[in-house]
Amino acid sequence: MPVGHRFLLLGKLFICNECFNSLGYERFMSLTALPLEEQWALDLDLFAEIEANYNRIEGRRPYCVSCIDDLARQQSSNT
């Protein structure tokens, strides 16, 4: 199972721990708790920054939904 973060912000992203930390995604985590309608109302420059950082991840690849769900269960049991 991959080790990282399930990042739900206008869609599902999976970001490994190293990229999550090096690209500063921690500062965006509070946005994931917002309802989708409120996420859409946020500043577009913020989403451009999130997307630009995601595109900088070398060799990124999608993970199957099952892996992401397994990761979510693991993280929720650790909190």
PDB file of N, CA and C in Angstrom:
ATOM      1  N   MET A   1       0.853  -1.180   0.000  1.00  0.00           N
ATOM      2  CA  MET A   1       0.000   0.000   0.000  1.00  0.00           C
ATOM      3  C   MET A   1       0.895   1.237   0.000  1.00  0.00           C
ATOM      4  N   PRO A   2       0.559   2.237  -0.791  1.00  0.00           N
ATOM      5  CA  PRO A   2       1.359   3.459  -0.822  1.00  0.00           C
ATOM      6  C   PRO A   2       1.289   4.213   0.500  1.00  0.00           C
ATOM      7  N   VAL A   3       2.350   4.930   0.805  1.00  0.00           N
ATOM      8  CA  VAL A   3       2.400   5.723   2.032  1.00  0.00           C
ATOM      9  C   VAL A   3       2.331   7.187   1.633  1.00  0.00           C
ATOM     10  N   GLY A   4       1.322   7.880   2.127  1.00  0.00           N
ATOM     11  CA  GLY A   4       1.178   9.276   1.772  1.00  0.00           C
ATOM     12  C   GLY A   4      -0.124   9.851   2.285  1.00  0.00           C
ATOM     13  N   HIS A   5      -0.652  10.796   1.531  1.00  0.00           N
ATOM     14  CA  HIS A   5      -1.852  11.525   1.940  1.00  0.00           C
ATOM     15  C   HIS A   5      -2.906  11.458   0.846  1.00  0.00           C
ATOM     16  N   ARG A   6      -4.103  11.191   1.270  1.00  0.00           N
ATOM     17  CA  ARG A   6      -5.261  11.317   0.394  1.00  0.00           C
ATOM     18  C   ARG A   6      -5.664  12.777   0.480  1.00  0.00           C
ATOM     19  N   PHE A   7      -5.691  13.433  -0.631  1.00  0.00           N
ATOM     20  CA  PHE A   7      -5.921  14.870  -0.655  1.00  0.00           C
ATOM     21  C   PHE A   7      -7.192  15.129  -1.447  1.00  0.00           C
ATOM     22  N   LEU A   8      -8.271  15.453  -0.758  1.00  0.00           N
ATOM     23  CA  LEU A   8      -9.554  15.695  -1.406  1.00  0.00           C
ATOM     24  C   LEU A   8      -9.807  17.188  -1.520  1.00  0.00           C
ATOM     25  N   LEU A   9      -9.543  17.710  -2.676  1.00  0.00           N
ATOM     26  CA  LEU A   9      -9.791  19.124  -2.920  1.00  0.00           C
ATOM     27  C   LEU A   9     -10.185  19.260  -4.381  1.00  0.00           C
ATOM     28  N   LEU A  10     -11.475  19.427  -4.619  1.00  0.00           N
ATOM     29  CA  LEU A  10     -12.024  19.456  -5.967  1.00  0.00           C
ATOM     30  C   LEU A  10     -11.629  18.204  -6.738  1.00  0.00           C
ATOM     31  N   GLY A  11     -11.576  17.100  -6.054  1.00  0.00           N
ATOM     32  CA  GLY A  11     -11.208  15.824  -6.662  1.00  0.00           C
ATOM     33  C   GLY A  11     -10.286  15.071  -5.738  1.00  0.00           C
ATOM     34  N   LYS A  12      -9.872  13.859  -6.155  1.00  0.00           N
ATOM     35  CA  LYS A  12      -8.998  13.035  -5.325  1.00  0.00           C
ATOM     36  C   LYS A  12      -7.576  13.085  -5.858  1.00  0.00           C
ATOM     37  N   LEU A  13      -6.654  13.369  -4.987  1.00  0.00           N
ATOM     38  CA  LEU A  13      -5.229  13.276  -5.299  1.00  0.00           C
ATOM     39  C   LEU A  13      -4.609  12.368  -4.260  1.00  0.00           C
ATOM     40  N   PHE A  14      -3.550  11.681  -4.645  1.00  0.00           N
ATOM     41  CA  PHE A  14      -2.757  10.949  -3.673  1.00  0.00           C
ATOM     42  C   PHE A  14      -1.350  11.498  -3.779  1.00  0.00           C
ATOM     43  N   ILE A  15      -0.798  11.922  -2.670  1.00  0.00           N
ATOM     44  CA  ILE A  15       0.535  12.520  -2.653  1.00  0.00           C
ATOM     45  C   ILE A  15       1.359  11.797  -1.603  1.00  0.00           C
ATOM     46  N   CYS A  16       2.524  11.277  -2.029  1.00  0.00           N
ATOM     47  CA  CYS A  16       3.378  10.571  -1.072  1.00  0.00           C
ATOM     48  C   CYS A  16       3.852  11.549  -0.004  1.00  0.00           C
ATOM     49  N   ASN A  17       4.277  11.013   1.121  1.00  0.00           N
ATOM     50  CA  ASN A  17       4.700  11.851   2.247  1.00  0.00           C
ATOM     51  C   ASN A  17       5.816  12.818   1.874  1.00  0.00           C
ATOM     52  N   GLU A  18       6.808  12.334   1.126  1.00  0.00           N
ATOM     53  CA  GLU A  18       7.943  13.189   0.766  1.00  0.00           C
ATOM     54  C   GLU A  18       7.499  14.390  -0.063  1.00  0.00           C
ATOM     55  N   CYS A  19       6.688  14.153  -1.090  1.00  0.00           N
ATOM     56  CA  CYS A  19       6.199  15.260  -1.921  1.00  0.00           C
ATOM     57  C   CYS A  19       5.241  16.156  -1.140  1.00  0.00           C
ATOM     58  N   PHE A  20       4.385  15.549  -0.338  1.00  0.00           N
ATOM     59  CA  PHE A  20       3.433  16.311   0.465  1.00  0.00           C
ATOM     60  C   PHE A  20       4.177  17.326   1.335  1.00  0.00           C
ATOM     61  N   ASN A  21       5.237  16.865   1.979  1.00  0.00           N
ATOM     62  CA  ASN A  21       6.004  17.739   2.870  1.00  0.00           C
ATOM     63  C   ASN A  21       6.864  18.735   2.105  1.00  0.00           C
ATOM     64  N   SER A  22       7.543  18.284   1.064  1.00  0.00           N
ATOM     65  CA  SER A  22       8.462  19.179   0.347  1.00  0.00           C
ATOM     66  C   SER A  22       7.735  20.255  -0.443  1.00  0.00           C
ATOM     67  N   LEU A  23       6.506  19.995  -0.862  1.00  0.00           N
ATOM     68  CA  LEU A  23       5.747  20.970  -1.640  1.00  0.00           C
ATOM     69  C   LEU A  23       4.792  21.799  -0.786  1.00  0.00           C
ATOM     70  N   GLY A  24       4.796  21.583   0.514  1.00  0.00           N
ATOM     71  CA  GLY A  24       4.016  22.419   1.413  1.00  0.00           C
ATOM     72  C   GLY A  24       2.519  22.187   1.391  1.00  0.00           C
ATOM     73  N   TYR A  25       2.091  20.969   1.104  1.00  0.00           N
ATOM     74  CA  TYR A  25       0.657  20.707   1.047  1.00  0.00           C
ATOM     75  C   TYR A  25      -0.034  20.777   2.399  1.00  0.00           C
ATOM     76  N   GLU A  26       0.703  20.714   3.474  1.00  0.00           N
ATOM     77  CA  GLU A  26       0.091  20.795   4.805  1.00  0.00           C
ATOM     78  C   GLU A  26      -0.744  22.071   4.941  1.00  0.00           C
ATOM     79  N   ARG A  27      -0.274  23.159   4.327  1.00  0.00           N
ATOM     80  CA  ARG A  27      -1.008  24.431   4.456  1.00  0.00           C
ATOM     81  C   ARG A  27      -2.353  24.421   3.732  1.00  0.00           C
ATOM     82  N   PHE A  28      -2.572  23.445   2.864  1.00  0.00           N
ATOM     83  CA  PHE A  28      -3.844  23.348   2.150  1.00  0.00           C
ATOM     84  C   PHE A  28      -4.825  22.378   2.794  1.00  0.00           C
ATOM     85  N   MET A  29      -4.377  21.600   3.768  1.00  0.00           N
ATOM     86  CA  MET A  29      -5.217  20.544   4.317  1.00  0.00           C
ATOM     87  C   MET A  29      -6.504  21.064   4.947  1.00  0.00           C
ATOM     88  N   SER A  30      -6.477  22.240   5.538  1.00  0.00           N
ATOM     89  CA  SER A  30      -7.705  22.762   6.165  1.00  0.00           C
ATOM     90  C   SER A  30      -8.791  23.013   5.119  1.00  0.00           C
ATOM     91  N   LEU A  31      -8.413  23.228   3.871  1.00  0.00           N
ATOM     92  CA  LEU A  31      -9.393  23.480   2.815  1.00  0.00           C
ATOM     93  C   LEU A  31     -10.206  22.236   2.492  1.00  0.00           C
ATOM     94  N   THR A  32      -9.648  21.066   2.756  1.00  0.00           N
ATOM     95  CA  THR A  32     -10.340  19.827   2.402  1.00  0.00           C
ATOM     96  C   THR A  32     -11.580  19.591   3.256  1.00  0.00           C
ATOM     97  N   ALA A  33     -11.671  20.240   4.401  1.00  0.00           N
ATOM     98  CA  ALA A  33     -12.839  20.077   5.274  1.00  0.00           C
ATOM     99  C   ALA A  33     -14.028  20.913   4.805  1.00  0.00           C
ATOM    100  N   LEU A  34     -13.787  21.835   3.897  1.00  0.00           N
ATOM    101  CA  LEU A  34     -14.870  22.684   3.403  1.00  0.00           C
ATOM    102  C   LEU A  34     -15.802  21.897   2.492  1.00  0.00           C
ATOM    103  N   PRO A  35     -17.101  22.203   2.530  1.00  0.00           N
ATOM    104  CA  PRO A  35     -18.017  21.593   1.562  1.00  0.00           C
ATOM    105  C   PRO A  35     -17.593  21.970   0.140  1.00  0.00           C
ATOM    106  N   LEU A  36     -17.905  21.118  -0.812  1.00  0.00           N
ATOM    107  CA  LEU A  36     -17.493  21.331  -2.194  1.00  0.00           C
ATOM    108  C   LEU A  36     -17.913  22.703  -2.722  1.00  0.00           C
ATOM    109  N   GLU A  37     -19.109  23.152  -2.353  1.00  0.00           N
ATOM    110  CA  GLU A  37     -19.601  24.454  -2.823  1.00  0.00           C
ATOM    111  C   GLU A  37     -18.666  25.583  -2.367  1.00  0.00           C
ATOM    112  N   GLU A  38     -18.174  25.465  -1.133  1.00  0.00           N
ATOM    113  CA  GLU A  38     -17.266  26.488  -0.614  1.00  0.00           C
ATOM    114  C   GLU A  38     -15.885  26.378  -1.243  1.00  0.00           C
ATOM    115  N   GLN A  39     -15.467  25.155  -1.559  1.00  0.00           N
ATOM    116  CA  GLN A  39     -14.189  24.991  -2.243  1.00  0.00           C
ATOM    117  C   GLN A  39     -14.211  25.712  -3.591  1.00  0.00           C
ATOM    118  N   TRP A  40     -15.328  25.583  -4.309  1.00  0.00           N
ATOM    119  CA  TRP A  40     -15.439  26.231  -5.622  1.00  0.00           C
ATOM    120  C   TRP A  40     -15.384  27.756  -5.499  1.00  0.00           C
ATOM    121  N   ALA A  41     -15.765  28.295  -4.363  1.00  0.00           N
ATOM    122  CA  ALA A  41     -15.789  29.748  -4.178  1.00  0.00           C
ATOM    123  C   ALA A  41     -14.429  30.323  -3.785  1.00  0.00           C
ATOM    124  N   LEU A  42     -13.435  29.470  -3.547  1.00  0.00           N
ATOM    125  CA  LEU A  42     -12.116  29.946  -3.119  1.00  0.00           C
ATOM    126  C   LEU A  42     -11.358  30.610  -4.265  1.00  0.00           C
ATOM    127  N   ASP A  43     -10.333  31.323  -3.914  1.00  0.00           N
ATOM    128  CA  ASP A  43      -9.486  32.038  -4.850  1.00  0.00           C
ATOM    129  C   ASP A  43      -8.872  31.085  -5.879  1.00  0.00           C
ATOM    130  N   LEU A  44      -9.027  31.403  -7.154  1.00  0.00           N
ATOM    131  CA  LEU A  44      -8.495  30.549  -8.219  1.00  0.00           C
ATOM    132  C   LEU A  44      -6.971  30.498  -8.215  1.00  0.00           C
ATOM    133  N   ASP A  45      -6.315  31.541  -7.741  1.00  0.00           N
ATOM    134  CA  ASP A  45      -4.851  31.532  -7.666  1.00  0.00           C
ATOM    135  C   ASP A  45      -4.364  30.444  -6.710  1.00  0.00           C
ATOM    136  N   LEU A  46      -5.119  30.206  -5.662  1.00  0.00           N
ATOM    137  CA  LEU A  46      -4.777  29.164  -4.704  1.00  0.00           C
ATOM    138  C   LEU A  46      -4.793  27.798  -5.392  1.00  0.00           C
ATOM    139  N   PHE A  47      -5.823  27.542  -6.190  1.00  0.00           N
ATOM    140  CA  PHE A  47      -5.900  26.268  -6.892  1.00  0.00           C
ATOM    141  C   PHE A  47      -4.833  26.151  -7.971  1.00  0.00           C
ATOM    142  N   ALA A  48      -4.479  27.264  -8.577  1.00  0.00           N
ATOM    143  CA  ALA A  48      -3.396  27.249  -9.556  1.00  0.00           C
ATOM    144  C   ALA A  48      -2.087  26.852  -8.878  1.00  0.00           C
ATOM    145  N   GLU A  49      -1.870  27.330  -7.659  1.00  0.00           N
ATOM    146  CA  GLU A  49      -0.666  26.971  -6.904  1.00  0.00           C
ATOM    147  C   GLU A  49      -0.676  25.481  -6.544  1.00  0.00           C
ATOM    148  N   ILE A  50      -1.815  24.978  -6.096  1.00  0.00           N
ATOM    149  CA  ILE A  50      -1.935  23.563  -5.758  1.00  0.00           C
ATOM    150  C   ILE A  50      -1.656  22.708  -6.995  1.00  0.00           C
ATOM    151  N   GLU A  51      -2.244  23.073  -8.120  1.00  0.00           N
ATOM    152  CA  GLU A  51      -2.044  22.319  -9.360  1.00  0.00           C
ATOM    153  C   GLU A  51      -0.602  22.396  -9.845  1.00  0.00           C
ATOM    154  N   ALA A  52      -0.011  23.583  -9.774  1.00  0.00           N
ATOM    155  CA  ALA A  52       1.380  23.740 -10.204  1.00  0.00           C
ATOM    156  C   ALA A  52       2.303  22.879  -9.361  1.00  0.00           C
ATOM    157  N   ASN A  53       2.082  22.856  -8.056  1.00  0.00           N
ATOM    158  CA  ASN A  53       2.894  22.005  -7.177  1.00  0.00           C
ATOM    159  C   ASN A  53       2.692  20.537  -7.519  1.00  0.00           C
ATOM    160  N   TYR A  54       1.461  20.136  -7.758  1.00  0.00           N
ATOM    161  CA  TYR A  54       1.181  18.734  -8.091  1.00  0.00           C
ATOM    162  C   TYR A  54       1.883  18.354  -9.396  1.00  0.00           C
ATOM    163  N   ASN A  55       1.880  19.245 -10.357  1.00  0.00           N
ATOM    164  CA  ASN A  55       2.529  18.967 -11.638  1.00  0.00           C
ATOM    165  C   ASN A  55       4.047  18.900 -11.524  1.00  0.00           C
ATOM    166  N   ARG A  56       4.604  19.429 -10.446  1.00  0.00           N
ATOM    167  CA  ARG A  56       6.051  19.365 -10.215  1.00  0.00           C
ATOM    168  C   ARG A  56       6.500  18.017  -9.668  1.00  0.00           C
ATOM    169  N   ILE A  57       5.575  17.185  -9.249  1.00  0.00           N
ATOM    170  CA  ILE A  57       5.936  15.886  -8.686  1.00  0.00           C
ATOM    171  C   ILE A  57       6.439  14.997  -9.818  1.00  0.00           C
ATOM    172  N   GLU A  58       7.699  14.656  -9.736  1.00  0.00           N
ATOM    173  CA  GLU A  58       8.314  13.841 -10.772  1.00  0.00           C
ATOM    174  C   GLU A  58       7.815  12.403 -10.694  1.00  0.00           C
ATOM    175  N   GLY A  59       7.455  11.854 -11.842  1.00  0.00           N
ATOM    176  CA  GLY A  59       7.041  10.459 -11.901  1.00  0.00           C
ATOM    177  C   GLY A  59       5.729  10.159 -11.206  1.00  0.00           C
ATOM    178  N   ARG A  60       4.889  11.172 -10.992  1.00  0.00           N
ATOM    179  CA  ARG A  60       3.626  10.910 -10.293  1.00  0.00           C
ATOM    180  C   ARG A  60       2.774   9.979 -11.144  1.00  0.00           C
ATOM    181  N   ARG A  61       1.982   9.202 -10.486  1.00  0.00           N
ATOM    182  CA  ARG A  61       1.103   8.281 -11.184  1.00  0.00           C
ATOM    183  C   ARG A  61      -0.148   8.090 -10.338  1.00  0.00           C
ATOM    184  N   PRO A  62      -1.222   7.757 -10.976  1.00  0.00           N
ATOM    185  CA  PRO A  62      -2.451   7.551 -10.216  1.00  0.00           C
ATOM    186  C   PRO A  62      -2.393   6.242  -9.435  1.00  0.00           C
ATOM    187  N   TYR A  63      -3.094   6.211  -8.349  1.00  0.00           N
ATOM    188  CA  TYR A  63      -3.263   4.993  -7.573  1.00  0.00           C
ATOM    189  C   TYR A  63      -4.718   4.579  -7.699  1.00  0.00           C
ATOM    190  N   CYS A  64      -4.959   3.302  -7.629  1.00  0.00           N
ATOM    191  CA  CYS A  64      -6.334   2.832  -7.780  1.00  0.00           C
ATOM    192  C   CYS A  64      -7.179   3.293  -6.589  1.00  0.00           C
ATOM    193  N   VAL A  65      -8.462   3.335  -6.795  1.00  0.00           N
ATOM    194  CA  VAL A  65      -9.390   3.783  -5.759  1.00  0.00           C
ATOM    195  C   VAL A  65      -9.260   2.902  -4.514  1.00  0.00           C
ATOM    196  N   SER A  66      -9.026   1.624  -4.719  1.00  0.00           N
ATOM    197  CA  SER A  66      -8.874   0.710  -3.589  1.00  0.00           C
ATOM    198  C   SER A  66      -7.688   1.111  -2.717  1.00  0.00           C
ATOM    199  N   CYS A  67      -6.557   1.456  -3.345  1.00  0.00           N
ATOM    200  CA  CYS A  67      -5.381   1.896  -2.571  1.00  0.00           C
ATOM    201  C   CYS A  67      -5.698   3.164  -1.785  1.00  0.00           C
ATOM    202  N   ILE A  68      -6.376   4.083  -2.419  1.00  0.00           N
ATOM    203  CA  ILE A  68      -6.701   5.342  -1.757  1.00  0.00           C
ATOM    204  C   ILE A  68      -7.663   5.082  -0.597  1.00  0.00           C
ATOM    205  N   ASP A  69      -8.657   4.207  -0.799  1.00  0.00           N
ATOM    206  CA  ASP A  69      -9.588   3.879   0.277  1.00  0.00           C
ATOM    207  C   ASP A  69      -8.881   3.173   1.424  1.00  0.00           C
ATOM    208  N   ASP A  70      -7.946   2.257   1.099  1.00  0.00           N
ATOM    209  CA  ASP A  70      -7.165   1.588   2.144  1.00  0.00           C
ATOM    210  C   ASP A  70      -6.355   2.595   2.942  1.00  0.00           C
ATOM    211  N   LEU A  71      -5.756   3.543   2.250  1.00  0.00           N
ATOM    212  CA  LEU A  71      -4.972   4.575   2.918  1.00  0.00           C
ATOM    213  C   LEU A  71      -5.860   5.413   3.828  1.00  0.00           C
ATOM    214  N   ALA A  72      -7.052   5.763   3.363  1.00  0.00           N
ATOM    215  CA  ALA A  72      -7.973   6.567   4.172  1.00  0.00           C
ATOM    216  C   ALA A  72      -8.360   5.817   5.448  1.00  0.00           C
ATOM    217  N   ARG A  73      -8.627   4.533   5.316  1.00  0.00           N
ATOM    218  CA  ARG A  73      -8.981   3.731   6.498  1.00  0.00           C
ATOM    219  C   ARG A  73      -7.811   3.688   7.476  1.00  0.00           C
ATOM    220  N   GLN A  74      -6.612   3.518   6.938  1.00  0.00           N
ATOM    221  CA  GLN A  74      -5.408   3.471   7.786  1.00  0.00           C
ATOM    222  C   GLN A  74      -5.224   4.790   8.516  1.00  0.00           C
ATOM    223  N   GLN A  75      -5.365   5.905   7.798  1.00  0.00           N
ATOM    224  CA  GLN A  75      -5.162   7.220   8.423  1.00  0.00           C
ATOM    225  C   GLN A  75      -6.242   7.511   9.449  1.00  0.00           C
ATOM    226  N   SER A  76      -7.487   7.117   9.183  1.00  0.00           N
ATOM    227  CA  SER A  76      -8.554   7.406  10.142  1.00  0.00           C
ATOM    228  C   SER A  76      -8.404   6.552  11.399  1.00  0.00           C
ATOM    229  N   SER A  77      -7.823   5.378  11.268  1.00  0.00           N
ATOM    230  CA  SER A  77      -7.622   4.551  12.458  1.00  0.00           C
ATOM    231  C   SER A  77      -6.437   5.049  13.292  1.00  0.00           C
ATOM    232  N   ASN A  78      -5.567   5.866  12.698  1.00  0.00           N
ATOM    233  CA  ASN A  78      -4.415   6.430  13.415  1.00  0.00           C
ATOM    234  C   ASN A  78      -4.751   7.728  14.140  1.00  0.00           C
ATOM    235  N   THR A  79      -5.923   8.288  13.885  1.00  0.00           N
ATOM    236  CA  THR A  79      -6.278   9.570  14.530  1.00  0.00           C
ATOM    237  C   THR A  79      -7.142   9.372  15.726  1.00  0.00           C
TER     238      THR A  79
END
